[in-house]
Amino acid sequence: MNNQSVDLSKLCLMTGNANPKLAQDIADYIGVNLCDMTVGRFNNGESQVMINESIRGRDIFIIQPTSQPVNDNLMDLLIIADACKRASAHSITAVVPYYAYARQDRKTRGREPISAKLVANLMTAAGLTRVITVDLHAGQIQGFFDIPVDHLAAAPVLADYLNAQNYENAVVVSPDLGGVTRARRLADYLHTSIAIIEKRRPRPGEAEVMGIIGDIKGKTAIMIDDIVDTAGSLCKGALALKKLGAARVFAACTHAVLSDPAVERINESVLEKLIITDTIPLPPEKNSPKIEVLSMAESIGDVILNIQAHRSVSLLFKEVPIHN
């Protein structure tokens, strides 16, 4: 996107310690420097934030996914927002590519919290005026906020990569019934059909594949999900696809939490490749020949530029024709 028509003099990009590389990539794409600031820890473990330049009257964008360590990164975001509010910033937008606690979006049993709502309340109370996020686990989390939320999809970035691979006879596979909409969106970009893994959960944290809805025999199956955590369900689903006739199996996931033993499972699985984005940084110890990382920096940068120029953000989300 051409940023020459955007007034960058009031734009200020900040980052905590959650994903400084993504923040730098976004800053490089937009053509600005990151704000001079320090985010550290006092000896007692409390967050320490120091902003070393004037931000009075500026439009702040804090790039801080709430990935591991979740509570430290979330607290840093809240304290940075509070510091900006007290320094008379004009607006404060949190760029939270990965929104923690998103899987706690409703009560499934008595006396459970709705932590995703609590996090939204905390962000608003800290002084945020807008939130930018990517592929929320549940879209209704946008309604937990009383401030604007720009909800980006990683599907265009994933689709651009997958289209370039020219996989023959591809089919997009949803890992469960709840992910059909996400699978359909990617399939429309790729102009393929979809299939669905039918499974049940006999116990919390466990999944049992019951069957496949759709035609996968002899095809290149591309599983799509928003989060890969321990990779147990992902690897079991890939094995089931292979046993039921898929020629090749790939997976694409937006947020790579990759809790142990996820990488070990992926390396030992029938998956040929796991494609992820950089909404969560991939530490060196979790690198694998099977893992391909795609950048969300340009997509997020375009949204920031449109917000700063008071242009429509929805125009960036290109529509694709419905696949018949």
C-alpha atoms as a PDB file:
ATOM      1  CA  MET A   1       0.000   0.000   0.000  1.00  0.00           C
ATOM      2  CA  ASN A   2       1.185   3.512  -0.774  1.00  0.00           C
ATOM      3  CA  ASN A   3       1.713   5.341   2.538  1.00  0.00           C
ATOM      4  CA  GLN A   4       2.593   8.659   0.915  1.00  0.00           C
ATOM      5  CA  SER A   5      -0.961   9.917   1.458  1.00  0.00           C
ATOM      6  CA  VAL A   6      -0.826   9.058   5.174  1.00  0.00           C
ATOM      7  CA  ASP A   7       0.359  11.598   7.741  1.00  0.00           C
ATOM      8  CA  LEU A   8       2.952   9.590   9.668  1.00  0.00           C
ATOM      9  CA  SER A   9       4.019  12.482  11.902  1.00  0.00           C
ATOM     10  CA  LYS A  10       1.377  11.596  14.510  1.00  0.00           C
ATOM     11  CA  LEU A  11       1.845   7.814  14.192  1.00  0.00           C
ATOM     12  CA  CYS A  12       3.760   6.074  16.969  1.00  0.00           C
ATOM     13  CA  LEU A  13       4.492   2.333  16.994  1.00  0.00           C
ATOM     14  CA  MET A  14       5.350   0.674  20.295  1.00  0.00           C
ATOM     15  CA  THR A  15       6.154  -2.875  21.278  1.00  0.00           C
ATOM     16  CA  GLY A  16       6.539  -4.872  24.438  1.00  0.00           C
ATOM     17  CA  ASN A  17       8.638  -8.032  24.668  1.00  0.00           C
ATOM     18  CA  ALA A  18       6.057 -10.432  23.199  1.00  0.00           C
ATOM     19  CA  ASN A  19       7.036 -10.220  19.512  1.00  0.00           C
ATOM     20  CA  PRO A  20       9.609  -7.473  18.824  1.00  0.00           C
ATOM     21  CA  LYS A  21      10.527  -8.928  15.405  1.00  0.00           C
ATOM     22  CA  LEU A  22       6.955  -8.623  14.117  1.00  0.00           C
ATOM     23  CA  ALA A  23       6.817  -5.074  15.478  1.00  0.00           C
ATOM     24  CA  GLN A  24      10.065  -4.191  13.685  1.00  0.00           C
ATOM     25  CA  ASP A  25       8.821  -5.777  10.445  1.00  0.00           C
ATOM     26  CA  ILE A  26       5.626  -3.707  10.638  1.00  0.00           C
ATOM     27  CA  ALA A  27       7.622  -0.539  11.346  1.00  0.00           C
ATOM     28  CA  ASP A  28       9.930  -1.254   8.385  1.00  0.00           C
ATOM     29  CA  TYR A  29       6.930  -1.843   6.104  1.00  0.00           C
ATOM     30  CA  ILE A  30       5.228   1.403   7.158  1.00  0.00           C
ATOM     31  CA  GLY A  31       8.491   3.334   7.113  1.00  0.00           C
ATOM     32  CA  VAL A  32       8.718   4.590  10.706  1.00  0.00           C
ATOM     33  CA  ASN A  33      10.891   3.906  13.727  1.00  0.00           C
ATOM     34  CA  LEU A  34       9.667   2.107  16.810  1.00  0.00           C
ATOM     35  CA  CYS A  35       9.152   4.344  19.817  1.00  0.00           C
ATOM     36  CA  ASP A  36      12.143   4.702  22.145  1.00  0.00           C
ATOM     37  CA  MET A  37      10.979   2.880  25.257  1.00  0.00           C
ATOM     38  CA  THR A  38      11.965   0.231  27.776  1.00  0.00           C
ATOM     39  CA  VAL A  39       9.815  -2.663  28.929  1.00  0.00           C
ATOM     40  CA  GLY A  40      11.446  -4.742  31.638  1.00  0.00           C
ATOM     41  CA  ARG A  41      11.061  -6.118  35.133  1.00  0.00           C
ATOM     42  CA  PHE A  42      11.749  -4.749  38.575  1.00  0.00           C
ATOM     43  CA  ASN A  43      13.609  -7.054  40.936  1.00  0.00           C
ATOM     44  CA  ASN A  44      10.328  -8.154  42.492  1.00  0.00           C
ATOM     45  CA  GLY A  45       8.937  -9.265  39.127  1.00  0.00           C
ATOM     46  CA  GLU A  46       6.634  -6.285  38.499  1.00  0.00           C
ATOM     47  CA  SER A  47       6.498  -4.845  34.984  1.00  0.00           C
ATOM     48  CA  GLN A  48       8.580  -1.736  34.375  1.00  0.00           C
ATOM     49  CA  VAL A  49       7.651   0.573  31.480  1.00  0.00           C
ATOM     50  CA  MET A  50       9.530   3.728  30.539  1.00  0.00           C
ATOM     51  CA  ILE A  51       8.648   5.803  27.446  1.00  0.00           C
ATOM     52  CA  ASN A  52      11.697   7.860  26.545  1.00  0.00           C
ATOM     53  CA  GLU A  53      10.144  10.360  24.119  1.00  0.00           C
ATOM     54  CA  SER A  54       7.120  12.662  24.071  1.00  0.00           C
ATOM     55  CA  ILE A  55       3.919  11.066  22.787  1.00  0.00           C
ATOM     56  CA  ARG A  56       1.548  13.926  23.615  1.00  0.00           C
ATOM     57  CA  GLY A  57      -1.216  14.123  21.005  1.00  0.00           C
ATOM     58  CA  ARG A  58       0.084  11.128  19.017  1.00  0.00           C
ATOM     59  CA  ASP A  59      -1.774   8.059  17.750  1.00  0.00           C
ATOM     60  CA  ILE A  60      -0.267   5.054  19.497  1.00  0.00           C
ATOM     61  CA  PHE A  61      -0.239   1.476  18.174  1.00  0.00           C
ATOM     62  CA  ILE A  62       1.041  -1.047  20.731  1.00  0.00           C
ATOM     63  CA  ILE A  63       2.114  -4.271  19.002  1.00  0.00           C
ATOM     64  CA  GLN A  64       1.861  -6.932  21.697  1.00  0.00           C
ATOM     65  CA  PRO A  65       0.370 -10.406  21.211  1.00  0.00           C
ATOM     66  CA  THR A  66      -0.579 -12.017  24.508  1.00  0.00           C
ATOM     67  CA  SER A  67       1.318 -15.238  23.879  1.00  0.00           C
ATOM     68  CA  GLN A  68       3.556 -17.112  26.310  1.00  0.00           C
ATOM     69  CA  PRO A  69       4.299 -15.967  28.974  1.00  0.00           C
ATOM     70  CA  VAL A  70       0.647 -14.981  28.693  1.00  0.00           C
ATOM     71  CA  ASN A  71       0.097 -13.089  31.932  1.00  0.00           C
ATOM     72  CA  ASP A  72       3.391 -11.175  31.711  1.00  0.00           C
ATOM     73  CA  ASN A  73       2.684 -10.067  28.148  1.00  0.00           C
ATOM     74  CA  LEU A  74      -0.912  -9.137  28.962  1.00  0.00           C
ATOM     75  CA  MET A  75       0.181  -7.106  31.988  1.00  0.00           C
ATOM     76  CA  ASP A  76       2.856  -5.345  29.932  1.00  0.00           C
ATOM     77  CA  LEU A  77       0.207  -4.363  27.380  1.00  0.00           C
ATOM     78  CA  LEU A  78      -2.081  -2.948  30.061  1.00  0.00           C
ATOM     79  CA  ILE A  79       0.718  -0.977  31.728  1.00  0.00           C
ATOM     80  CA  ILE A  80       1.984   0.420  28.405  1.00  0.00           C
ATOM     81  CA  ALA A  81      -1.581   1.531  27.620  1.00  0.00           C
ATOM     82  CA  ASP A  82      -1.878   3.194  31.021  1.00  0.00           C
ATOM     83  CA  ALA A  83       1.440   4.978  30.526  1.00  0.00           C
ATOM     84  CA  CYS A  84       0.282   6.269  27.127  1.00  0.00           C
ATOM     85  CA  LYS A  85      -3.021   7.477  28.554  1.00  0.00           C
ATOM     86  CA  ARG A  86      -1.244   9.382  31.319  1.00  0.00           C
ATOM     87  CA  ALA A  87       1.178  10.862  28.762  1.00  0.00           C
ATOM     88  CA  SER A  88      -1.752  12.469  26.885  1.00  0.00           C
ATOM     89  CA  ALA A  89      -1.721  10.291  23.775  1.00  0.00           C
ATOM     90  CA  HIS A  90      -4.467  11.147  21.288  1.00  0.00           C
ATOM     91  CA  SER A  91      -5.513   7.518  20.708  1.00  0.00           C
ATOM     92  CA  ILE A  92      -4.224   4.132  21.875  1.00  0.00           C
ATOM     93  CA  THR A  93      -4.697   1.052  19.682  1.00  0.00           C
ATOM     94  CA  ALA A  94      -3.615  -2.401  20.821  1.00  0.00           C
ATOM     95  CA  VAL A  95      -2.370  -4.611  18.001  1.00  0.00           C
ATOM     96  CA  VAL A  96      -2.919  -8.047  19.550  1.00  0.00           C
ATOM     97  CA  PRO A  97      -2.357 -10.595  16.765  1.00  0.00           C
ATOM     98  CA  TYR A  98      -2.896 -13.458  19.208  1.00  0.00           C
ATOM     99  CA  TYR A  99      -5.631 -12.856  21.789  1.00  0.00           C
ATOM    100  CA  ALA A 100      -5.037 -14.943  24.899  1.00  0.00           C
ATOM    101  CA  TYR A 101      -7.890 -16.587  26.824  1.00  0.00           C
ATOM    102  CA  ALA A 102      -9.959 -16.639  23.616  1.00  0.00           C
ATOM    103  CA  ARG A 103     -10.862 -20.297  24.211  1.00  0.00           C
ATOM    104  CA  GLN A 104     -12.513 -19.288  27.494  1.00  0.00           C
ATOM    105  CA  ASP A 105     -15.318 -17.409  25.741  1.00  0.00           C
ATOM    106  CA  ARG A 106     -18.329 -19.028  27.440  1.00  0.00           C
ATOM    107  CA  LYS A 107     -19.388 -21.099  30.424  1.00  0.00           C
ATOM    108  CA  THR A 108     -19.516 -24.834  29.735  1.00  0.00           C
ATOM    109  CA  ARG A 109     -19.945 -25.817  33.382  1.00  0.00           C
ATOM    110  CA  GLY A 110     -21.133 -24.108  36.533  1.00  0.00           C
ATOM    111  CA  ARG A 111     -18.831 -21.686  38.343  1.00  0.00           C
ATOM    112  CA  GLU A 112     -16.521 -21.164  35.345  1.00  0.00           C
ATOM    113  CA  PRO A 113     -15.146 -17.720  34.394  1.00  0.00           C
ATOM    114  CA  ILE A 114     -15.539 -16.123  30.978  1.00  0.00           C
ATOM    115  CA  SER A 115     -11.911 -15.041  30.854  1.00  0.00           C
ATOM    116  CA  ALA A 116     -12.041 -13.685  27.290  1.00  0.00           C
ATOM    117  CA  LYS A 117     -14.587 -11.105  28.462  1.00  0.00           C
ATOM    118  CA  LEU A 118     -12.476 -10.232  31.509  1.00  0.00           C
ATOM    119  CA  VAL A 119      -9.458  -9.563  29.275  1.00  0.00           C
ATOM    120  CA  ALA A 120     -11.599  -7.281  27.077  1.00  0.00           C
ATOM    121  CA  ASN A 121     -12.722  -5.365  30.174  1.00  0.00           C
ATOM    122  CA  LEU A 122      -9.126  -4.981  31.359  1.00  0.00           C
ATOM    123  CA  MET A 123      -7.980  -3.642  27.989  1.00  0.00           C
ATOM    124  CA  THR A 124     -10.777  -1.085  27.903  1.00  0.00           C
ATOM    125  CA  ALA A 125     -10.171  -0.012  31.496  1.00  0.00           C
ATOM    126  CA  ALA A 126      -6.464   0.474  30.752  1.00  0.00           C
ATOM    127  CA  GLY A 127      -7.375   3.188  28.241  1.00  0.00           C
ATOM    128  CA  LEU A 128      -7.311   1.450  24.870  1.00  0.00           C
ATOM    129  CA  THR A 129      -9.478   3.104  22.222  1.00  0.00           C
ATOM    130  CA  ARG A 130      -9.247   0.359  19.565  1.00  0.00           C
ATOM    131  CA  VAL A 131      -8.069  -3.243  19.159  1.00  0.00           C
ATOM    132  CA  ILE A 132      -6.622  -4.969  16.083  1.00  0.00           C
ATOM    133  CA  THR A 133      -6.460  -8.751  16.236  1.00  0.00           C
ATOM    134  CA  VAL A 134      -6.108 -11.771  13.944  1.00  0.00           C
ATOM    135  CA  ASP A 135      -8.309 -14.876  13.691  1.00  0.00           C
ATOM    136  CA  LEU A 136     -10.082 -14.855  17.027  1.00  0.00           C
ATOM    137  CA  HIS A 137     -10.931 -18.348  18.211  1.00  0.00           C
ATOM    138  CA  ALA A 138     -14.535 -17.196  18.486  1.00  0.00           C
ATOM    139  CA  GLY A 139     -15.737 -14.241  16.428  1.00  0.00           C
ATOM    140  CA  GLN A 140     -18.266 -13.207  19.068  1.00  0.00           C
ATOM    141  CA  ILE A 141     -15.376 -12.021  21.279  1.00  0.00           C
ATOM    142  CA  GLN A 142     -15.579  -8.793  19.261  1.00  0.00           C
ATOM    143  CA  GLY A 143     -18.849  -8.174  21.081  1.00  0.00           C
ATOM    144  CA  PHE A 144     -17.075  -8.336  24.446  1.00  0.00           C
ATOM    145  CA  PHE A 145     -15.561  -4.922  23.680  1.00  0.00           C
ATOM    146  CA  ASP A 146     -17.245  -1.526  23.845  1.00  0.00           C
ATOM    147  CA  ILE A 147     -14.497  -0.065  21.634  1.00  0.00           C
ATOM    148  CA  PRO A 148     -13.876  -0.717  17.903  1.00  0.00           C
ATOM    149  CA  VAL A 149     -12.299  -4.073  17.023  1.00  0.00           C
ATOM    150  CA  ASP A 150     -10.686  -4.771  13.637  1.00  0.00           C
ATOM    151  CA  HIS A 151     -10.680  -8.535  13.140  1.00  0.00           C
ATOM    152  CA  LEU A 152      -8.182  -9.610  10.469  1.00  0.00           C
ATOM    153  CA  ALA A 153      -8.104 -13.014   8.775  1.00  0.00           C
ATOM    154  CA  ALA A 154      -4.880 -14.830   7.967  1.00  0.00           C
ATOM    155  CA  ALA A 155      -6.582 -16.727   5.123  1.00  0.00           C
ATOM    156  CA  PRO A 156      -5.325 -14.391   2.330  1.00  0.00           C
ATOM    157  CA  VAL A 157      -1.714 -14.759   3.525  1.00  0.00           C
ATOM    158  CA  LEU A 158      -2.031 -18.541   3.829  1.00  0.00           C
ATOM    159  CA  ALA A 159      -3.812 -18.769   0.469  1.00  0.00           C
ATOM    160  CA  ASP A 160      -1.111 -16.779  -1.339  1.00  0.00           C
ATOM    161  CA  TYR A 161       1.509 -19.233  -0.091  1.00  0.00           C
ATOM    162  CA  LEU A 162      -0.572 -22.338  -0.832  1.00  0.00           C
ATOM    163  CA  ASN A 163      -1.500 -21.128  -4.324  1.00  0.00           C
ATOM    164  CA  ALA A 164       2.193 -20.646  -5.085  1.00  0.00           C
ATOM    165  CA  GLN A 165       2.874 -24.297  -4.187  1.00  0.00           C
ATOM    166  CA  ASN A 166       0.544 -25.536  -6.965  1.00  0.00           C
ATOM    167  CA  TYR A 167      -0.578 -28.592  -5.012  1.00  0.00           C
ATOM    168  CA  GLU A 168      -2.374 -31.019  -7.301  1.00  0.00           C
ATOM    169  CA  ASN A 169      -5.949 -32.075  -6.584  1.00  0.00           C
ATOM    170  CA  ALA A 170      -6.158 -30.182  -3.295  1.00  0.00           C
ATOM    171  CA  VAL A 171      -8.983 -30.253  -0.753  1.00  0.00           C
ATOM    172  CA  VAL A 172      -9.292 -28.038   2.330  1.00  0.00           C
ATOM    173  CA  VAL A 173     -10.135 -29.969   5.496  1.00  0.00           C
ATOM    174  CA  SER A 174     -11.803 -28.618   8.626  1.00  0.00           C
ATOM    175  CA  PRO A 175     -10.579 -30.459  11.756  1.00  0.00           C
ATOM    176  CA  ASP A 176     -14.085 -30.340  13.249  1.00  0.00           C
ATOM    177  CA  LEU A 177     -17.603 -29.142  12.561  1.00  0.00           C
ATOM    178  CA  GLY A 178     -16.935 -25.803  14.264  1.00  0.00           C
ATOM    179  CA  GLY A 179     -14.214 -24.876  11.790  1.00  0.00           C
ATOM    180  CA  VAL A 180     -16.256 -25.239   8.603  1.00  0.00           C
ATOM    181  CA  THR A 181     -16.582 -21.489   7.998  1.00  0.00           C
ATOM    182  CA  ARG A 182     -12.808 -21.042   8.250  1.00  0.00           C
ATOM    183  CA  ALA A 183     -12.236 -23.975   5.876  1.00  0.00           C
ATOM    184  CA  ARG A 184     -14.785 -22.633   3.405  1.00  0.00           C
ATOM    185  CA  ARG A 185     -13.077 -19.225   3.346  1.00  0.00           C
ATOM    186  CA  LEU A 186      -9.690 -20.761   2.531  1.00  0.00           C
ATOM    187  CA  ALA A 187     -11.257 -23.134  -0.019  1.00  0.00           C
ATOM    188  CA  ASP A 188     -12.826 -20.146  -1.797  1.00  0.00           C
ATOM    189  CA  TYR A 189      -9.404 -18.526  -2.077  1.00  0.00           C
ATOM    190  CA  LEU A 190      -7.893 -21.760  -3.389  1.00  0.00           C
ATOM    191  CA  HIS A 191     -10.934 -22.711  -5.532  1.00  0.00           C
ATOM    192  CA  THR A 192     -11.156 -26.173  -4.013  1.00  0.00           C
ATOM    193  CA  SER A 193     -13.781 -28.309  -2.280  1.00  0.00           C
ATOM    194  CA  ILE A 194     -13.813 -28.953   1.464  1.00  0.00           C
ATOM    195  CA  ALA A 195     -13.984 -31.974   3.742  1.00  0.00           C
ATOM    196  CA  ILE A 196     -14.733 -32.222   7.462  1.00  0.00           C
ATOM    197  CA  ILE A 197     -13.238 -34.462  10.139  1.00  0.00           C
ATOM    198  CA  GLU A 198     -16.013 -35.831  12.345  1.00  0.00           C
ATOM    199  CA  LYS A 199     -14.747 -36.419  15.846  1.00  0.00           C
ATOM    200  CA  ARG A 200     -15.911 -36.636  19.418  1.00  0.00           C
ATOM    201  CA  ARG A 201     -14.243 -35.739  22.685  1.00  0.00           C
ATOM    202  CA  PRO A 202     -14.602 -38.565  25.201  1.00  0.00           C
ATOM    203  CA  ARG A 203     -12.730 -36.471  27.787  1.00  0.00           C
ATOM    204  CA  PRO A 204     -11.526 -32.847  27.941  1.00  0.00           C
ATOM    205  CA  GLY A 205      -8.326 -32.434  25.942  1.00  0.00           C
ATOM    206  CA  GLU A 206      -8.827 -35.681  24.034  1.00  0.00           C
ATOM    207  CA  ALA A 207     -10.256 -36.181  20.545  1.00  0.00           C
ATOM    208  CA  GLU A 208     -11.325 -39.332  18.718  1.00  0.00           C
ATOM    209  CA  VAL A 209     -11.764 -39.279  14.926  1.00  0.00           C
ATOM    210  CA  MET A 210     -15.020 -40.952  13.896  1.00  0.00           C
ATOM    211  CA  GLY A 211     -14.925 -40.391  10.137  1.00  0.00           C
ATOM    212  CA  ILE A 212     -14.490 -37.962   7.236  1.00  0.00           C
ATOM    213  CA  ILE A 213     -17.284 -36.017   5.545  1.00  0.00           C
ATOM    214  CA  GLY A 214     -16.305 -35.351   1.932  1.00  0.00           C
ATOM    215  CA  ASP A 215     -14.002 -36.807  -0.716  1.00  0.00           C
ATOM    216  CA  ILE A 216     -10.286 -36.950   0.169  1.00  0.00           C
ATOM    217  CA  LYS A 217      -9.124 -40.124  -1.606  1.00  0.00           C
ATOM    218  CA  GLY A 218      -6.035 -39.520  -3.704  1.00  0.00           C
ATOM    219  CA  LYS A 219      -6.094 -35.793  -2.897  1.00  0.00           C
ATOM    220  CA  THR A 220      -3.732 -33.346  -1.239  1.00  0.00           C
ATOM    221  CA  ALA A 221      -5.450 -32.565   2.055  1.00  0.00           C
ATOM    222  CA  ILE A 222      -4.820 -29.149   3.631  1.00  0.00           C
ATOM    223  CA  MET A 223      -6.063 -28.991   7.232  1.00  0.00           C
ATOM    224  CA  ILE A 224      -6.886 -25.476   8.439  1.00  0.00           C
ATOM    225  CA  ASP A 225      -7.272 -24.302  12.035  1.00  0.00           C
ATOM    226  CA  ASP A 226      -6.813 -21.099  14.017  1.00  0.00           C
ATOM    227  CA  ILE A 227      -4.626 -22.479  16.827  1.00  0.00           C
ATOM    228  CA  VAL A 228      -2.155 -25.348  17.073  1.00  0.00           C
ATOM    229  CA  ASP A 229      -1.366 -25.934  20.738  1.00  0.00           C
ATOM    230  CA  THR A 230      -0.119 -29.400  21.710  1.00  0.00           C
ATOM    231  CA  ALA A 231      -0.793 -30.629  18.124  1.00  0.00           C
ATOM    232  CA  GLY A 232      -2.431 -33.829  19.391  1.00  0.00           C
ATOM    233  CA  SER A 233      -5.715 -33.405  17.511  1.00  0.00           C
ATOM    234  CA  LEU A 234      -3.892 -32.057  14.452  1.00  0.00           C
ATOM    235  CA  CYS A 235      -1.581 -35.049  14.154  1.00  0.00           C
ATOM    236  CA  LYS A 236      -4.382 -37.549  14.835  1.00  0.00           C
ATOM    237  CA  GLY A 237      -6.499 -35.869  12.173  1.00  0.00           C
ATOM    238  CA  ALA A 238      -3.622 -36.003   9.696  1.00  0.00           C
ATOM    239  CA  LEU A 239      -3.126 -39.728  10.379  1.00  0.00           C
ATOM    240  CA  ALA A 240      -6.837 -40.386   9.879  1.00  0.00           C
ATOM    241  CA  LEU A 241      -6.799 -38.521   6.553  1.00  0.00           C
ATOM    242  CA  LYS A 242      -3.827 -40.556   5.405  1.00  0.00           C
ATOM    243  CA  LYS A 243      -5.413 -43.869   6.452  1.00  0.00           C
ATOM    244  CA  LEU A 244      -8.645 -42.975   4.670  1.00  0.00           C
ATOM    245  CA  GLY A 245      -6.934 -42.329   1.358  1.00  0.00           C
ATOM    246  CA  ALA A 246      -5.406 -38.844   1.227  1.00  0.00           C
ATOM    247  CA  ALA A 247      -2.279 -38.813  -0.940  1.00  0.00           C
ATOM    248  CA  ARG A 248      -0.564 -35.995   0.968  1.00  0.00           C
ATOM    249  CA  VAL A 249      -1.422 -34.083   4.145  1.00  0.00           C
ATOM    250  CA  PHE A 250      -0.485 -30.507   5.034  1.00  0.00           C
ATOM    251  CA  ALA A 251      -1.721 -28.207   7.801  1.00  0.00           C
ATOM    252  CA  ALA A 252      -2.123 -24.429   8.030  1.00  0.00           C
ATOM    253  CA  CYS A 253      -2.690 -22.719  11.381  1.00  0.00           C
ATOM    254  CA  THR A 254      -2.649 -19.022  12.220  1.00  0.00           C
ATOM    255  CA  HIS A 255      -1.438 -19.135  15.816  1.00  0.00           C
ATOM    256  CA  ALA A 256       1.386 -21.526  16.699  1.00  0.00           C
ATOM    257  CA  VAL A 257       1.217 -21.892  20.485  1.00  0.00           C
ATOM    258  CA  LEU A 258       3.148 -25.182  20.182  1.00  0.00           C
ATOM    259  CA  SER A 259       3.088 -26.266  23.820  1.00  0.00           C
ATOM    260  CA  ASP A 260       5.281 -29.293  24.516  1.00  0.00           C
ATOM    261  CA  PRO A 261       5.360 -31.899  23.033  1.00  0.00           C
ATOM    262  CA  ALA A 262       3.850 -30.258  19.911  1.00  0.00           C
ATOM    263  CA  VAL A 263       7.029 -29.999  17.803  1.00  0.00           C
ATOM    264  CA  GLU A 264       8.007 -33.593  18.584  1.00  0.00           C
ATOM    265  CA  ARG A 265       4.540 -34.766  17.546  1.00  0.00           C
ATOM    266  CA  ILE A 266       4.667 -32.759  14.320  1.00  0.00           C
ATOM    267  CA  ASN A 267       8.095 -34.126  13.429  1.00  0.00           C
ATOM    268  CA  GLU A 268       6.910 -37.697  13.972  1.00  0.00           C
ATOM    269  CA  SER A 269       3.554 -37.226  12.213  1.00  0.00           C
ATOM    270  CA  VAL A 270       2.477 -37.916   8.621  1.00  0.00           C
ATOM    271  CA  LEU A 271       2.205 -34.161   8.051  1.00  0.00           C
ATOM    272  CA  GLU A 272       4.521 -33.041   5.266  1.00  0.00           C
ATOM    273  CA  LYS A 273       4.463 -29.404   6.403  1.00  0.00           C
ATOM    274  CA  LEU A 274       2.803 -27.129   8.947  1.00  0.00           C
ATOM    275  CA  ILE A 275       2.317 -23.575   7.690  1.00  0.00           C
ATOM    276  CA  ILE A 276       1.945 -20.968  10.445  1.00  0.00           C
ATOM    277  CA  THR A 277       2.069 -17.177  10.750  1.00  0.00           C
ATOM    278  CA  ASP A 278       4.232 -14.987  12.986  1.00  0.00           C
ATOM    279  CA  THR A 279       1.397 -13.772  15.231  1.00  0.00           C
ATOM    280  CA  ILE A 280       3.291 -15.746  17.893  1.00  0.00           C
ATOM    281  CA  PRO A 281       7.102 -15.783  17.628  1.00  0.00           C
ATOM    282  CA  LEU A 282       8.666 -19.184  16.929  1.00  0.00           C
ATOM    283  CA  PRO A 283      11.605 -19.647  19.322  1.00  0.00           C
ATOM    284  CA  PRO A 284      14.779 -21.282  17.950  1.00  0.00           C
ATOM    285  CA  GLU A 285      14.258 -24.440  20.007  1.00  0.00           C
ATOM    286  CA  LYS A 286      10.927 -25.018  18.225  1.00  0.00           C
ATOM    287  CA  ASN A 287      12.279 -24.681  14.694  1.00  0.00           C
ATOM    288  CA  SER A 288      11.591 -27.679  12.487  1.00  0.00           C
ATOM    289  CA  PRO A 289      12.086 -28.532   8.803  1.00  0.00           C
ATOM    290  CA  LYS A 290       8.362 -29.256   8.761  1.00  0.00           C
ATOM    291  CA  ILE A 291       7.342 -25.773   9.962  1.00  0.00           C
ATOM    292  CA  GLU A 292       7.029 -22.828   7.535  1.00  0.00           C
ATOM    293  CA  VAL A 293       6.447 -19.327   8.996  1.00  0.00           C
ATOM    294  CA  LEU A 294       4.584 -16.638   7.024  1.00  0.00           C
ATOM    295  CA  SER A 295       4.605 -12.963   7.970  1.00  0.00           C
ATOM    296  CA  MET A 296       1.509 -10.943   8.876  1.00  0.00           C
ATOM    297  CA  ALA A 297       3.515  -7.696   8.947  1.00  0.00           C
ATOM    298  CA  GLU A 298       2.219  -6.288   5.651  1.00  0.00           C
ATOM    299  CA  SER A 299      -1.416  -7.160   6.397  1.00  0.00           C
ATOM    300  CA  ILE A 300      -1.254  -5.551   9.843  1.00  0.00           C
ATOM    301  CA  GLY A 301       0.728  -2.608   8.479  1.00  0.00           C
ATOM    302  CA  ASP A 302      -1.947  -1.919   5.854  1.00  0.00           C
ATOM    303  CA  VAL A 303      -4.633  -1.874   8.553  1.00  0.00           C
ATOM    304  CA  ILE A 304      -2.605   0.570  10.652  1.00  0.00           C
ATOM    305  CA  LEU A 305      -2.107   2.849   7.650  1.00  0.00           C
ATOM    306  CA  ASN A 306      -5.818   2.806   6.787  1.00  0.00           C
ATOM    307  CA  ILE A 307      -6.799   3.604  10.361  1.00  0.00           C
ATOM    308  CA  GLN A 308      -4.282   6.456  10.469  1.00  0.00           C
ATOM    309  CA  ALA A 309      -5.607   7.829   7.160  1.00  0.00           C
ATOM    310  CA  HIS A 310      -9.237   7.449   8.310  1.00  0.00           C
ATOM    311  CA  ARG A 311      -9.911   5.052   5.435  1.00  0.00           C
ATOM    312  CA  SER A 312     -12.078   1.951   5.472  1.00  0.00           C
ATOM    313  CA  VAL A 313     -10.361  -1.109   6.892  1.00  0.00           C
ATOM    314  CA  SER A 314     -12.918  -3.514   5.440  1.00  0.00           C
ATOM    315  CA  LEU A 315     -11.786  -2.581   1.917  1.00  0.00           C
ATOM    316  CA  LEU A 316      -8.537  -4.436   2.666  1.00  0.00           C
ATOM    317  CA  PHE A 317     -10.394  -7.703   3.169  1.00  0.00           C
ATOM    318  CA  LYS A 318     -10.742  -8.725  -0.446  1.00  0.00           C
ATOM    319  CA  GLU A 319     -13.788 -10.824  -1.230  1.00  0.00           C
ATOM    320  CA  VAL A 320     -13.470 -14.022  -3.218  1.00  0.00           C
ATOM    321  CA  PRO A 321     -16.134 -15.584  -5.435  1.00  0.00           C
ATOM    322  CA  ILE A 322     -18.099 -18.404  -3.858  1.00  0.00           C
ATOM    323  CA  HIS A 323     -16.759 -21.747  -5.101  1.00  0.00           C
ATOM    324  CA  ASN A 324     -19.342 -23.983  -6.719  1.00  0.00           C
END
